[in-house]
Amino acid sequence: MNRTKVIAVDDEAPALRRLVKMTENHPQLDLVETARNSVEAKEKILKFNPDLVLLDIQLKDATAFEMLNEIKNSFKGKIIFCTAYDQYALKAFDFQVIDYLLKPYSEERFNAAIERITSKNEFPDLSKLMEILHEKQNLSKALMIPEGNKNYFLESEKLYYISADGYYSNFILENERKMIRISLKKLEEILPENFIRINKSIIINKNLIVELTSNKSSSKLTLPDGNEFDVSEKYLEEFLRQIR
């Protein structure tokens, strides 16, 4: 059986690792390359001519749409967008996209998108678009955090930050605190892009920053509960890039 050749593109390392893992887990996919920006993506798509590109929309140096316009006469493969932004859904369908995965999508949702290709059901329609937008509305309100064979559902909009505590993580919400046995490293792989690691022991919700003081070598932020956190030097460049 001929497997589908895939290139995965995402500028966020945790998101790319997760995308790579799902691709490698799928028996009908053959991951040939990855890319972290539009320049790399363009070069590798033209070089390897993949059957399918799994593509983030907001890249470091350009949007996916700008990159695709540059190679539209050369690349004839399929596209599945993988993004945290629902506002591009209508524009995405102008590019003959097969599916539009909204982060944090599940592996089941990923596999369903791949099935659209392998089953030759490759024609998106308005009903599919409405399903995507409804999915985004629900995901924006709840996070599913796994712990063994259990899953916890937390309100994303009320989650201020997460702090490491040994083998556990403390989830600090507006009116409650929950401890779950999961590492920050694992959380980086599954949380949506508005949650950012700022030091060895803290992940914060960037949408809830109420005050930020920055200079060339440091940043300090304040969250709605009054807690202040320093962004460590190791994470500073990526933190500043993301909040811009």
Protein backbone atom coordinates (compact mmCIF):
# COMPACT_ATOMS: atom_id res chain seq x y z
CA MET A 1 0.00 0.00 0.00
CA ASN A 2 1.37 3.41 -0.99
CA ARG A 3 1.48 5.71 1.99
CA THR A 4 0.68 9.43 1.83
CA LYS A 5 3.86 11.55 1.91
CA VAL A 6 3.52 14.32 4.50
CA ILE A 7 5.34 17.51 5.49
CA ALA A 8 4.39 19.00 8.87
CA VAL A 9 4.78 22.76 9.43
CA ASP A 10 4.40 24.61 12.75
CA ASP A 11 6.52 27.34 14.33
CA GLU A 12 5.74 26.20 17.88
CA ALA A 13 8.02 23.35 18.97
CA PRO A 14 5.48 21.61 21.29
CA ALA A 15 2.75 21.80 18.64
CA LEU A 16 5.11 20.46 15.97
CA ARG A 17 6.21 17.56 18.19
CA ARG A 18 2.57 16.65 18.78
CA LEU A 19 1.78 16.85 15.07
CA VAL A 20 4.80 14.67 14.25
CA LYS A 21 3.73 12.08 16.82
CA MET A 22 0.20 11.84 15.40
CA THR A 23 1.54 11.58 11.87
CA GLU A 24 4.01 8.84 12.79
CA ASN A 25 1.27 6.96 14.64
CA HIS A 26 -0.93 6.82 11.52
CA PRO A 27 -0.26 3.72 9.39
CA GLN A 28 -1.17 5.45 6.11
CA LEU A 29 1.10 8.47 6.54
CA ASP A 30 4.81 8.80 5.79
CA LEU A 31 6.39 11.89 7.38
CA VAL A 32 9.18 13.03 5.06
CA GLU A 33 10.07 16.43 6.56
CA THR A 34 9.14 19.17 9.06
CA ALA A 35 9.50 22.95 8.97
CA ARG A 36 9.33 25.78 11.52
CA ASN A 37 8.78 28.80 9.23
CA SER A 38 7.51 29.71 5.77
CA VAL A 39 10.96 29.77 4.12
CA GLU A 40 11.74 26.23 5.27
CA ALA A 41 8.24 25.09 4.38
CA LYS A 42 8.42 26.50 0.86
CA GLU A 43 11.85 24.94 0.19
CA LYS A 44 10.88 21.50 1.49
CA ILE A 45 7.49 21.40 -0.22
CA LEU A 46 9.10 22.20 -3.57
CA LYS A 47 11.93 19.71 -2.98
CA PHE A 48 9.91 16.73 -1.72
CA ASN A 49 6.56 17.37 -3.46
CA PRO A 50 4.46 15.81 -0.65
CA ASP A 51 0.96 14.46 -1.11
CA LEU A 52 -0.18 16.35 2.00
CA VAL A 53 0.99 19.36 4.00
CA LEU A 54 -0.13 19.73 7.62
CA LEU A 55 0.18 23.47 7.99
CA ASP A 56 -0.07 26.03 10.79
CA ILE A 57 -1.38 29.39 9.57
CA GLN A 58 0.46 31.93 11.71
CA LEU A 59 4.16 31.26 11.13
CA LYS A 60 7.07 33.30 12.46
CA ASP A 61 7.94 35.02 9.19
CA ALA A 62 4.68 34.96 7.20
CA THR A 63 1.22 33.48 7.04
CA ALA A 64 0.61 30.13 5.39
CA PHE A 65 -1.56 31.91 2.84
CA GLU A 66 1.36 34.09 1.70
CA MET A 67 3.61 31.05 1.39
CA LEU A 68 1.01 29.04 -0.53
CA ASN A 69 0.45 31.89 -2.97
CA GLU A 70 4.16 31.78 -3.82
CA ILE A 71 4.06 28.08 -4.75
CA LYS A 72 0.51 27.75 -6.07
CA ASN A 73 1.71 26.98 -9.59
CA SER A 74 4.11 24.26 -8.39
CA PHE A 75 2.43 22.50 -5.47
CA LYS A 76 -0.68 20.45 -6.29
CA GLY A 77 -0.90 18.37 -3.11
CA LYS A 78 -3.52 18.44 -0.35
CA ILE A 79 -3.58 20.81 2.63
CA ILE A 80 -4.89 20.42 6.16
CA PHE A 81 -4.59 23.55 8.30
CA CYS A 82 -3.73 23.07 12.00
CA THR A 83 -4.23 26.32 13.87
CA ALA A 84 -5.46 27.99 17.04
CA TYR A 85 -7.30 30.70 15.10
CA ASP A 86 -10.86 30.22 13.89
CA GLN A 87 -11.00 33.60 12.09
CA TYR A 88 -9.12 32.18 9.09
CA ALA A 89 -11.59 29.38 8.41
CA LEU A 90 -13.40 31.04 5.50
CA LYS A 91 -10.15 32.21 3.88
CA ALA A 92 -8.67 28.72 4.29
CA PHE A 93 -11.34 27.20 2.07
CA ASP A 94 -10.18 29.47 -0.76
CA PHE A 95 -7.05 27.31 -0.84
CA GLN A 96 -8.91 24.03 -1.45
CA VAL A 97 -8.14 22.91 2.09
CA ILE A 98 -9.28 19.38 2.97
CA ASP A 99 -9.83 20.14 6.66
CA TYR A 100 -9.26 22.78 9.31
CA LEU A 101 -8.07 21.47 12.69
CA LEU A 102 -8.46 23.82 15.62
CA LYS A 103 -5.94 23.45 18.42
CA PRO A 104 -5.99 21.66 20.77
CA TYR A 105 -7.43 18.96 18.51
CA SER A 106 -7.48 15.32 19.58
CA GLU A 107 -5.77 12.43 17.80
CA GLU A 108 -9.25 11.15 16.97
CA ARG A 109 -10.05 14.46 15.24
CA PHE A 110 -6.70 14.32 13.42
CA ASN A 111 -7.39 10.80 12.18
CA ALA A 112 -10.85 11.86 10.99
CA ALA A 113 -9.21 14.56 8.86
CA ILE A 114 -6.81 12.03 7.35
CA GLU A 115 -9.76 9.75 6.61
CA ARG A 116 -11.19 12.50 4.40
CA ILE A 117 -8.16 12.04 2.16
CA THR A 118 -7.83 8.27 2.20
CA SER A 119 -11.57 7.83 1.58
CA LYS A 120 -11.42 10.40 -1.27
CA ASN A 121 -14.07 12.51 0.49
CA GLU A 122 -12.08 15.67 -0.17
CA PHE A 123 -14.72 18.32 -0.75
CA PRO A 124 -15.27 20.70 2.20
CA ASP A 125 -18.65 22.41 2.40
CA LEU A 126 -20.46 25.01 4.49
CA SER A 127 -21.88 22.43 6.89
CA LYS A 128 -18.30 21.32 7.65
CA LEU A 129 -17.29 24.91 8.24
CA MET A 130 -20.15 25.43 10.71
CA GLU A 131 -19.06 22.27 12.54
CA ILE A 132 -15.52 23.64 12.79
CA LEU A 133 -16.65 26.98 14.20
CA HIS A 134 -18.93 25.25 16.71
CA GLU A 135 -16.03 23.03 17.77
CA LYS A 136 -13.89 26.12 18.38
CA GLN A 137 -16.59 27.71 20.53
CA ASN A 138 -16.70 24.65 22.77
CA LEU A 139 -12.94 24.17 22.97
CA SER A 140 -12.39 27.79 23.97
CA LYS A 141 -14.36 27.17 27.16
CA ALA A 142 -12.89 23.87 28.35
CA LEU A 143 -9.52 22.15 28.58
CA MET A 144 -9.26 18.39 28.90
CA ILE A 145 -6.36 17.44 31.18
CA PRO A 146 -5.54 13.70 31.39
CA GLU A 147 -4.47 11.87 34.55
CA GLY A 148 -4.07 8.15 34.05
CA ASN A 149 -7.44 6.80 32.87
CA LYS A 150 -9.28 9.96 34.01
CA ASN A 151 -9.75 13.32 32.35
CA TYR A 152 -10.40 16.66 34.08
CA PHE A 153 -12.25 19.47 32.32
CA LEU A 154 -11.18 22.99 33.30
CA GLU A 155 -12.50 26.34 32.12
CA SER A 156 -9.79 27.80 29.91
CA GLU A 157 -10.94 31.38 30.37
CA LYS A 158 -10.65 31.10 34.17
CA LEU A 159 -7.30 29.31 34.35
CA TYR A 160 -4.70 31.89 35.44
CA TYR A 161 -1.57 29.77 35.63
CA ILE A 162 -0.13 26.31 36.34
CA SER A 163 2.74 25.67 38.75
CA ALA A 164 4.92 22.56 39.02
CA ASP A 165 4.86 20.64 42.30
CA GLY A 166 7.03 17.53 42.06
CA TYR A 167 5.25 14.95 39.91
CA TYR A 168 2.09 17.11 40.02
CA SER A 169 0.91 20.43 38.64
CA ASN A 170 -1.26 22.97 40.45
CA PHE A 171 -3.94 24.54 38.26
CA ILE A 172 -4.86 27.98 39.64
CA LEU A 173 -8.28 29.11 38.45
CA GLU A 174 -10.44 32.10 39.30
CA ASN A 175 -12.23 30.46 42.21
CA GLU A 176 -10.45 27.15 42.76
CA ARG A 177 -7.18 25.28 42.77
CA LYS A 178 -6.77 21.76 41.40
CA MET A 179 -3.76 19.44 41.64
CA ILE A 180 -3.31 16.91 38.81
CA ARG A 181 -0.52 14.39 38.29
CA ILE A 182 0.95 15.67 35.03
CA SER A 183 4.23 17.41 34.17
CA LEU A 184 4.63 20.89 32.69
CA LYS A 185 6.52 19.30 29.79
CA LYS A 186 3.48 17.18 28.95
CA LEU A 187 1.17 20.17 29.37
CA GLU A 188 3.23 22.15 26.86
CA GLU A 189 2.32 19.51 24.28
CA ILE A 190 -1.44 19.56 24.87
CA LEU A 191 -2.36 23.10 25.95
CA PRO A 192 -3.54 25.69 23.40
CA GLU A 193 -1.16 28.44 22.33
CA ASN A 194 -2.40 31.05 24.81
CA PHE A 195 -0.66 29.07 27.57
CA ILE A 196 3.06 29.92 27.69
CA ARG A 197 5.92 28.48 29.76
CA ILE A 198 7.74 31.40 31.43
CA ASN A 199 10.21 29.61 33.71
CA LYS A 200 11.14 26.20 35.08
CA SER A 201 7.99 25.88 37.18
CA ILE A 202 5.24 28.13 35.70
CA ILE A 203 2.93 28.16 32.68
CA ILE A 204 0.68 31.23 32.41
CA ASN A 205 -2.43 32.16 30.41
CA LYS A 206 -1.20 35.05 28.27
CA ASN A 207 -4.79 36.23 27.69
CA LEU A 208 -5.09 37.08 31.39
CA ILE A 209 -1.93 39.16 31.88
CA VAL A 210 -3.04 42.45 33.47
CA GLU A 211 0.38 44.12 33.68
CA LEU A 212 3.74 43.51 32.03
CA THR A 213 7.08 45.21 32.67
CA SER A 214 9.85 44.40 30.21
CA ASN A 215 13.39 45.45 29.38
CA LYS A 216 16.17 43.90 27.33
CA SER A 217 17.05 41.24 29.88
CA SER A 218 13.91 40.56 31.91
CA SER A 219 10.13 40.66 32.08
CA LYS A 220 7.75 40.61 35.03
CA LEU A 221 4.02 40.01 34.68
CA THR A 222 0.97 40.26 36.92
CA LEU A 223 -2.12 38.05 36.73
CA PRO A 224 -5.70 38.84 37.89
CA ASP A 225 -5.21 37.27 41.34
CA GLY A 226 -2.34 39.69 42.03
CA ASN A 227 0.44 37.11 41.67
CA GLU A 228 3.61 38.37 39.98
CA PHE A 229 6.02 36.18 38.04
CA ASP A 230 9.43 36.71 36.47
CA VAL A 231 10.11 35.34 33.01
CA SER A 232 13.43 33.50 33.13
CA GLU A 233 16.17 34.22 30.60
CA LYS A 234 15.77 30.76 29.01
CA TYR A 235 12.13 31.45 28.07
CA LEU A 236 12.25 35.24 27.60
CA GLU A 237 12.75 35.44 23.82
CA GLU A 238 9.97 32.96 23.04
CA PHE A 239 7.63 34.61 25.60
CA LEU A 240 8.08 38.07 24.08
CA ARG A 241 7.60 36.70 20.57
CA GLN A 242 4.35 35.01 21.51
CA ILE A 243 2.76 37.93 23.33
CA ARG A 244 3.49 40.24 20.40
